[in-house]
Protein backbone atom coordinates (compact mmCIF):
# COMPACT_ATOMS: atom_id res chain seq x y z
CA MET A 1 86.68 79.50 92.45
CA SER A 2 87.58 76.99 95.23
CA ILE A 3 89.54 79.17 97.51
CA ARG A 4 89.08 78.97 101.35
CA THR A 5 88.72 82.48 102.86
CA LEU A 6 89.66 84.44 105.93
CA ASP A 7 86.32 83.62 107.55
CA ASP A 8 86.97 79.90 107.01
CA LEU A 9 90.36 80.12 109.00
CA LEU A 10 88.60 82.40 111.74
CA ALA A 11 85.95 79.71 112.11
CA GLU A 12 88.94 77.05 112.94
CA GLY A 13 90.20 79.38 115.55
CA VAL A 14 93.28 81.42 115.46
CA SER A 15 93.84 82.53 118.97
CA GLY A 16 97.56 81.83 119.95
CA ARG A 17 98.59 80.67 116.45
CA ARG A 18 100.84 82.40 114.15
CA VAL A 19 99.36 83.59 110.94
CA LEU A 20 101.59 85.02 108.17
CA VAL A 21 100.02 87.60 106.18
CA ARG A 22 101.29 88.56 102.72
CA ALA A 23 100.07 92.27 102.36
CA ASP A 24 100.69 94.77 99.74
CA LEU A 25 102.45 97.69 101.46
CA ASN A 26 104.19 99.21 98.30
CA VAL A 27 103.43 102.62 99.07
CA PRO A 28 104.90 105.73 97.54
CA LEU A 29 107.38 107.57 99.82
CA ASP A 30 108.33 111.20 99.34
CA LYS A 31 111.81 111.36 97.90
CA GLN A 32 112.92 114.27 100.08
CA THR A 33 111.35 113.44 103.49
CA GLY A 34 110.97 109.67 103.09
CA ALA A 35 107.34 110.05 104.42
CA ILE A 36 104.44 107.85 103.05
CA SER A 37 102.50 110.24 100.63
CA ASP A 38 99.65 107.73 100.01
CA ASP A 39 98.62 105.35 102.68
CA GLY A 40 95.60 103.66 100.61
CA ARG A 41 97.25 100.12 100.42
CA ILE A 42 97.84 100.09 104.12
CA ARG A 43 94.39 100.98 104.86
CA ALA A 44 93.20 98.31 102.48
CA VAL A 45 94.60 95.48 104.43
CA LEU A 46 93.24 96.72 107.65
CA PRO A 47 90.10 94.72 107.56
CA THR A 48 92.00 91.44 107.38
CA LEU A 49 94.47 92.38 110.09
CA GLY A 50 91.98 93.89 112.26
CA ALA A 51 89.78 90.36 112.27
CA LEU A 52 93.03 88.53 113.07
CA VAL A 53 94.09 90.78 115.91
CA GLU A 54 90.56 90.59 117.42
CA ALA A 55 90.55 86.77 117.19
CA GLY A 56 93.78 86.67 119.27
CA ALA A 57 96.34 85.53 116.41
CA LYS A 58 99.84 86.40 116.40
CA VAL A 59 100.00 88.06 113.18
CA VAL A 60 103.25 88.38 111.00
CA VAL A 61 103.02 90.75 108.15
CA CYS A 62 105.27 90.55 105.11
CA SER A 63 105.51 92.88 102.03
CA HIS A 64 107.68 94.38 99.29
CA LEU A 65 108.41 97.88 98.86
CA GLY A 66 109.92 99.23 95.60
CA ARG A 67 112.45 97.41 93.55
CA PRO A 68 115.84 96.88 95.62
CA LYS A 69 118.22 94.62 93.97
CA GLY A 70 117.74 91.63 96.30
CA ALA A 71 119.83 93.17 99.01
CA PRO A 72 119.29 95.84 101.88
CA ASP A 73 118.69 99.19 100.66
CA PRO A 74 117.57 101.92 103.45
CA GLN A 75 115.65 103.98 100.66
CA PHE A 76 113.22 100.90 100.44
CA SER A 77 112.82 99.99 104.17
CA LEU A 78 109.38 99.37 105.50
CA SER A 79 110.26 101.03 108.94
CA PRO A 80 107.86 104.08 108.12
CA VAL A 81 105.16 101.75 106.90
CA ALA A 82 105.30 99.89 110.31
CA GLY A 83 104.80 103.08 112.14
CA ARG A 84 101.78 104.06 109.91
CA LEU A 85 100.31 100.64 110.28
CA GLY A 86 100.57 100.92 114.01
CA GLU A 87 98.76 104.23 113.98
CA LEU A 88 96.03 102.93 111.91
CA LEU A 89 95.67 99.77 114.09
CA GLY A 90 95.85 101.70 117.42
CA ALA A 91 98.62 99.45 118.75
CA PRO A 92 102.33 99.33 118.28
CA VAL A 93 103.61 97.02 115.37
CA HIS A 94 106.61 95.13 115.97
CA PHE A 95 109.40 95.75 113.34
CA ALA A 96 111.79 93.29 112.29
CA THR A 97 115.00 94.83 110.90
CA ASP A 98 115.57 91.86 108.36
CA THR A 99 113.36 89.38 106.52
CA VAL A 100 114.25 85.92 107.90
CA GLY A 101 117.43 86.60 110.07
CA GLU A 102 117.87 86.99 113.82
CA SER A 103 115.74 90.11 114.15
CA ALA A 104 112.81 88.37 112.41
CA ARG A 105 113.04 85.25 114.33
CA SER A 106 113.33 87.06 117.73
CA THR A 107 110.44 89.65 116.81
CA VAL A 108 108.07 86.72 115.87
CA ALA A 109 109.03 84.54 118.82
CA ASP A 110 108.24 87.44 121.16
CA LEU A 111 104.65 88.11 119.90
CA ALA A 112 102.01 88.02 122.28
CA ASP A 113 98.38 86.84 121.03
CA GLY A 114 96.71 89.69 119.33
CA GLN A 115 100.18 91.49 118.53
CA VAL A 116 101.44 92.37 115.03
CA ALA A 117 104.97 92.13 113.49
CA LEU A 118 105.99 93.54 110.26
CA LEU A 119 109.20 91.94 108.51
CA GLU A 120 111.62 93.97 106.73
CA ASN A 121 111.12 94.32 102.89
CA LEU A 122 110.84 90.73 101.31
CA ARG A 123 112.88 91.98 98.29
CA PHE A 124 116.04 92.68 100.45
CA ASN A 125 116.35 88.68 99.86
CA ALA A 126 117.16 87.71 96.41
CA GLY A 127 115.09 84.51 96.85
CA GLU A 128 111.90 86.46 96.95
CA THR A 129 111.91 87.23 93.12
CA SER A 130 114.37 84.70 91.93
CA LYS A 131 113.50 82.58 88.76
CA ASP A 132 115.56 79.67 90.35
CA GLU A 133 112.82 77.53 91.92
CA ALA A 134 115.39 76.12 94.49
CA GLU A 135 116.45 79.45 95.63
CA ARG A 136 113.09 80.88 95.74
CA GLY A 137 111.87 77.55 97.61
CA ALA A 138 114.57 78.07 100.13
CA PHE A 139 113.49 81.49 100.96
CA ALA A 140 109.82 80.14 101.14
CA ASP A 141 110.68 77.63 103.73
CA GLN A 142 112.38 80.28 106.01
CA LEU A 143 109.22 82.56 105.55
CA ALA A 144 106.78 79.64 106.26
CA ALA A 145 108.60 78.78 109.32
CA PHE A 146 107.05 82.00 110.87
CA GLY A 147 103.51 80.81 110.33
CA ASP A 148 100.86 78.27 111.23
CA ALA A 149 98.71 79.54 108.64
CA TYR A 150 99.07 81.79 105.68
CA VAL A 151 96.64 84.46 104.41
CA ASP A 152 97.41 86.37 101.18
CA ASP A 153 95.90 89.78 101.07
CA ALA A 154 98.24 91.28 98.57
CA PHE A 155 96.06 91.51 95.37
CA GLY A 156 98.69 93.68 93.98
CA ALA A 157 101.29 91.23 93.86
CA VAL A 158 99.18 88.13 92.84
CA HIS A 159 100.38 88.39 89.20
CA ARG A 160 103.90 87.68 90.34
CA LYS A 161 105.44 84.35 90.85
CA HIS A 162 107.50 85.34 93.86
CA ALA A 163 108.21 83.23 96.91
CA SER A 164 105.86 84.97 99.38
CA VAL A 165 103.06 84.85 96.91
CA PHE A 166 103.45 81.45 94.99
CA ASP A 167 105.67 79.30 96.85
CA VAL A 168 104.80 79.80 100.62
CA PRO A 169 101.02 78.77 100.22
CA ALA A 170 102.27 75.28 99.35
CA ARG A 171 103.98 75.04 102.53
CA LEU A 172 101.09 76.10 104.89
CA PRO A 173 97.25 75.96 105.27
CA HIS A 174 96.26 79.07 103.14
CA VAL A 175 93.36 81.27 102.64
CA ALA A 176 92.27 84.52 100.66
CA GLY A 177 92.19 87.68 102.64
CA ARG A 178 89.22 90.02 102.61
CA LEU A 179 90.93 92.31 100.24
CA VAL A 180 91.87 89.65 97.75
CA LEU A 181 88.51 88.15 97.99
CA ARG A 182 86.68 91.47 97.30
CA GLU A 183 88.97 91.92 94.26
CA VAL A 184 88.52 88.72 92.71
CA GLU A 185 84.58 89.06 93.17
CA VAL A 186 84.61 92.50 91.60
CA LEU A 187 86.55 91.57 88.60
CA SER A 188 84.72 88.64 88.11
CA LYS A 189 81.68 90.79 87.55
CA LEU A 190 83.57 92.49 84.57
CA THR A 191 84.70 89.27 83.02
CA GLY A 192 81.53 87.34 83.51
CA ALA A 193 78.37 89.10 82.20
CA PRO A 194 78.44 93.01 82.91
CA GLU A 195 75.53 95.09 83.05
CA ARG A 196 75.41 97.03 79.72
CA PRO A 197 76.44 99.49 78.44
CA TYR A 198 79.98 98.33 79.55
CA VAL A 199 82.32 101.34 79.01
CA VAL A 200 86.13 101.07 79.61
CA VAL A 201 88.48 103.89 80.10
CA LEU A 202 92.16 103.48 79.34
CA GLY A 203 94.90 105.87 79.93
CA GLY A 204 98.49 105.84 80.97
CA SER A 205 101.68 106.42 78.86
CA LYS A 206 102.26 103.42 76.67
CA VAL A 207 99.89 101.41 74.25
CA SER A 208 102.23 98.44 74.71
CA ASP A 209 101.56 98.14 78.23
CA LYS A 210 97.69 97.91 77.48
CA LEU A 211 97.85 96.06 74.18
CA ALA A 212 96.91 92.65 75.76
CA VAL A 213 93.88 94.12 77.72
CA ILE A 214 92.66 96.11 74.78
CA GLU A 215 92.61 92.95 72.59
CA ALA A 216 90.88 91.05 75.37
CA LEU A 217 88.22 93.82 76.09
CA LEU A 218 87.42 94.77 72.25
CA PRO A 219 85.07 91.91 71.79
CA THR A 220 83.08 92.52 74.97
CA VAL A 221 82.86 96.13 75.67
CA ASP A 222 80.37 98.62 74.33
CA ARG A 223 82.69 101.80 74.19
CA LEU A 224 86.56 101.87 74.79
CA LEU A 225 87.70 105.60 75.59
CA ILE A 226 91.42 106.12 75.28
CA GLY A 227 93.39 109.10 76.72
CA GLY A 228 96.86 109.74 78.27
CA GLY A 229 100.04 109.36 76.66
CA MET A 230 98.88 106.18 74.65
CA CYS A 231 96.18 108.16 72.63
CA PHE A 232 99.08 109.88 70.67
CA THR A 233 100.07 106.64 69.05
CA PHE A 234 96.35 106.00 67.94
CA LEU A 235 96.06 109.46 66.56
CA LYS A 236 99.47 108.88 64.72
CA ALA A 237 97.73 105.89 63.09
CA GLN A 238 95.04 107.90 61.98
CA GLY A 239 97.68 109.97 60.00
CA LEU A 240 97.72 112.97 62.55
CA GLU A 241 100.49 115.21 63.25
CA VAL A 242 101.40 114.52 67.04
CA GLY A 243 104.40 116.80 67.55
CA THR A 244 106.80 115.74 70.26
CA SER A 245 104.34 113.81 72.25
CA LEU A 246 104.89 110.46 73.51
CA LEU A 247 104.82 108.14 70.46
CA GLU A 248 105.63 104.31 70.20
CA LYS A 249 106.49 104.19 66.57
CA ASP A 250 106.59 100.54 66.41
CA MET A 251 102.95 100.49 67.58
CA VAL A 252 101.30 102.68 64.99
CA ASP A 253 100.55 99.86 62.47
CA THR A 254 99.17 97.81 65.40
CA CYS A 255 96.83 100.77 66.62
CA ARG A 256 95.74 101.29 62.89
CA ASN A 257 94.57 97.64 63.12
CA LEU A 258 92.77 97.96 66.26
CA LEU A 259 90.83 100.93 64.98
CA GLU A 260 89.91 99.03 61.91
CA ARG A 261 88.63 96.16 63.86
CA ALA A 262 86.91 98.20 66.54
CA ASN A 263 83.61 99.10 64.40
CA GLY A 264 83.76 102.44 66.07
CA LYS A 265 83.94 101.20 69.62
CA ILE A 266 87.08 103.16 70.24
CA LEU A 267 86.61 106.80 71.06
CA LEU A 268 89.74 108.86 70.80
CA PRO A 269 90.44 112.71 72.15
CA VAL A 270 89.13 115.36 69.84
CA ASP A 271 91.33 118.15 71.54
CA VAL A 272 94.42 117.98 73.77
CA VAL A 273 96.55 120.25 75.88
CA VAL A 274 99.84 121.06 74.47
CA ALA A 275 102.84 122.36 76.16
CA ASP A 276 106.28 123.81 75.13
CA ALA A 277 108.17 121.25 77.64
CA PHE A 278 107.34 118.52 80.02
CA ALA A 279 107.32 120.95 83.02
CA PRO A 280 104.59 122.15 85.47
CA ASP A 281 105.18 125.74 84.58
CA ALA A 282 105.53 125.31 80.76
CA ALA A 283 103.65 127.65 78.44
CA HIS A 284 100.37 125.53 77.16
CA ASP A 285 97.12 125.85 75.36
CA THR A 286 94.35 123.61 74.00
CA VAL A 287 94.31 122.52 70.39
CA ARG A 288 92.32 120.33 68.23
CA VAL A 289 93.81 116.87 67.58
CA ASP A 290 94.33 117.83 63.87
CA GLY A 291 96.14 120.94 64.85
CA ILE A 292 99.13 119.78 67.22
CA PRO A 293 102.35 121.81 66.45
CA SER A 294 105.11 119.78 65.44
CA HIS A 295 107.42 121.34 68.23
CA ARG A 296 104.96 120.76 71.04
CA LEU A 297 103.67 117.87 73.14
CA GLY A 298 100.60 116.85 74.38
CA LEU A 299 100.36 116.25 78.15
CA ASP A 300 96.31 116.01 78.88
CA VAL A 301 93.02 115.63 77.08
CA GLY A 302 91.16 118.77 76.50
CA PRO A 303 87.66 119.89 77.71
CA GLU A 304 85.90 118.90 74.41
CA THR A 305 87.24 115.33 74.97
CA VAL A 306 86.18 115.36 78.48
CA ALA A 307 82.81 116.29 77.54
CA GLY A 308 82.64 113.69 74.99
CA PHE A 309 84.11 110.88 77.08
CA SER A 310 81.52 112.07 79.90
CA ALA A 311 78.62 111.53 77.53
CA ALA A 312 79.63 108.11 76.77
CA LEU A 313 79.98 107.34 80.61
CA SER A 314 76.81 108.94 81.42
CA GLN A 315 75.11 106.18 79.56
CA ALA A 316 77.20 103.29 80.98
CA LYS A 317 75.79 100.60 83.68
CA THR A 318 79.18 99.23 84.25
CA ILE A 319 82.64 101.04 83.99
CA PHE A 320 86.33 100.08 84.24
CA TRP A 321 88.79 102.84 84.42
CA ASN A 322 92.82 102.36 84.36
CA GLY A 323 95.23 105.10 83.61
CA PRO A 324 95.13 108.90 83.89
CA MET A 325 94.23 111.01 80.94
CA GLY A 326 97.11 113.28 81.18
CA VAL A 327 100.04 114.27 83.68
CA PHE A 328 97.75 114.81 86.55
CA GLU A 329 100.88 115.35 88.97
CA MET A 330 101.20 118.65 87.41
CA PRO A 331 98.30 120.90 88.07
CA ALA A 332 98.15 122.53 84.67
CA PHE A 333 97.61 119.00 83.38
CA ALA A 334 95.22 117.54 85.71
CA ALA A 335 91.94 118.89 84.46
CA GLY A 336 91.33 115.75 82.13
CA THR A 337 91.94 113.14 84.76
CA ARG A 338 89.79 115.25 87.21
CA GLY A 339 86.92 115.48 84.38
CA ILE A 340 86.69 111.87 83.71
CA ALA A 341 87.08 110.63 87.28
CA GLU A 342 83.96 112.98 88.30
CA ALA A 343 82.08 111.77 85.33
CA ILE A 344 82.56 108.40 86.50
CA THR A 345 81.29 109.18 89.75
CA LYS A 346 78.14 110.93 88.51
CA ALA A 347 77.22 107.93 86.37
CA ASP A 348 74.57 105.49 87.36
CA ALA A 349 76.93 102.54 86.99
CA PHE A 350 78.91 100.09 88.77
CA SER A 351 82.37 101.49 88.49
CA VAL A 352 85.91 99.92 89.05
CA VAL A 353 89.06 101.96 89.46
CA GLY A 354 91.84 99.59 88.29
CA GLY A 355 94.65 100.54 90.86
CA GLY A 356 98.08 102.07 90.10
CA ASP A 357 98.01 105.61 88.96
CA SER A 358 94.32 105.86 88.64
CA ALA A 359 93.71 105.02 92.22
CA ALA A 360 96.75 107.46 93.19
CA ALA A 361 94.77 110.37 91.14
CA VAL A 362 91.68 109.56 92.85
CA ARG A 363 93.43 110.29 96.21
CA ALA A 364 95.80 112.85 94.83
CA LEU A 365 92.92 115.03 93.36
CA GLY A 366 90.95 114.80 96.65
CA LEU A 367 87.99 112.78 95.12
CA ASP A 368 85.52 111.10 97.47
CA GLU A 369 86.78 107.25 97.26
CA SER A 370 83.31 106.19 98.36
CA SER A 371 81.77 107.36 95.13
CA PHE A 372 83.38 104.83 93.11
CA GLY A 373 82.10 101.33 93.15
CA HIS A 374 85.41 99.72 93.90
CA ILE A 375 89.10 100.93 93.90
CA SER A 376 91.46 98.37 93.12
CA THR A 377 94.82 97.99 94.86
CA GLY A 378 96.42 96.25 92.00
CA GLY A 379 96.88 97.98 88.66
CA GLY A 380 99.08 95.19 86.84
CA ALA A 381 96.99 92.49 88.50
CA SER A 382 93.51 93.94 87.64
CA LEU A 383 94.72 94.25 83.73
CA GLU A 384 96.02 90.77 83.87
CA TYR A 385 92.95 89.27 85.29
CA LEU A 386 90.71 91.15 82.62
CA GLU A 387 93.06 89.78 79.95
CA GLY A 388 92.07 86.10 81.14
CA LYS A 389 95.71 85.48 82.52
CA THR A 390 96.23 82.78 85.11
CA LEU A 391 97.63 84.96 88.24
CA PRO A 392 100.18 82.74 90.08
CA GLY A 393 99.08 83.96 93.48
CA ILE A 394 95.44 83.15 92.79
CA ALA A 395 96.12 79.65 91.46
CA ALA A 396 98.45 79.01 94.54
CA LEU A 397 95.36 79.61 96.57
CA GLU A 398 93.08 77.34 94.85
CA ASN A 399 95.42 74.61 95.02
């Protein structure tokens, strides 16, 4: 790809120049306290921000958080993110209480060389996500006025045709940040000529969310291991009783067709953990997939499945994992996800964790992040890249 990089920008010199950085600081916040529960995405952008600070740039960071409805909403403020970013950078981050208003203008104007400002949540402005090009473009004009150059380091947002991702690069000299560059390099390995055997693990709740990537991967992978809530639609397609487990009835025929076309590549669970209710303290036990009671629901894959999946992973040379194997947030139903994650770390393979809940699970379960080849910051973006889709944010950088 013909994308200019952060190193190209640094070589030109950024001392005293304003550099607008689109970061992905969409971190999870505790609903009770408002505290950041996982700062992985903040830490991921530090190499880019640190390099710009060291080079004397006036760094203006912008990001979204959550899904506010195009207007200010206190529960989605980036204020706590500014505090944590300052701690990690070792210097105060100047926080603007709006996106392109008076606070933003004065905060950016007051920046000294090597200082960092963070604008309030981009999605507090309807222009950020608008499908109307004029409205989106008008917002992009206001954002671009804060920079002499633009750096996209928000891989988790490059699949969105939003003002800060797609329209601002057309208005400023633009480069890819270190995180975006690394993500594209890693995912290119998977879509190019991955070392074989190439094993993909998919979990999560819905087949419909992963259908396109399954279709894209089936011809290229050696094994496709399917767990999580989505496995029950596949089990139903085999004629099995799945009780009250998550089921997409309109996808059963599609799953049956995929199984027929897979030539044995798709590996499904052989046992699952079933419970009386979707609750952390629900009564539960492990059953074979052909013995799921009609009144119970599956919330995790069982130990025999973990063993079988682990055996397949132990043979792999390339692994991509997206989606947990069960409801890992509840300790009683976390063993499947933990077991598969540990098997991936033990394999003599280049492993990629596809962002989203998978990356969150790695951190929530206390696993060593360095034991994976790469942990992506973009769940949806990484899947769309593997599907072969054109990602608006990457296309904007290529132009």
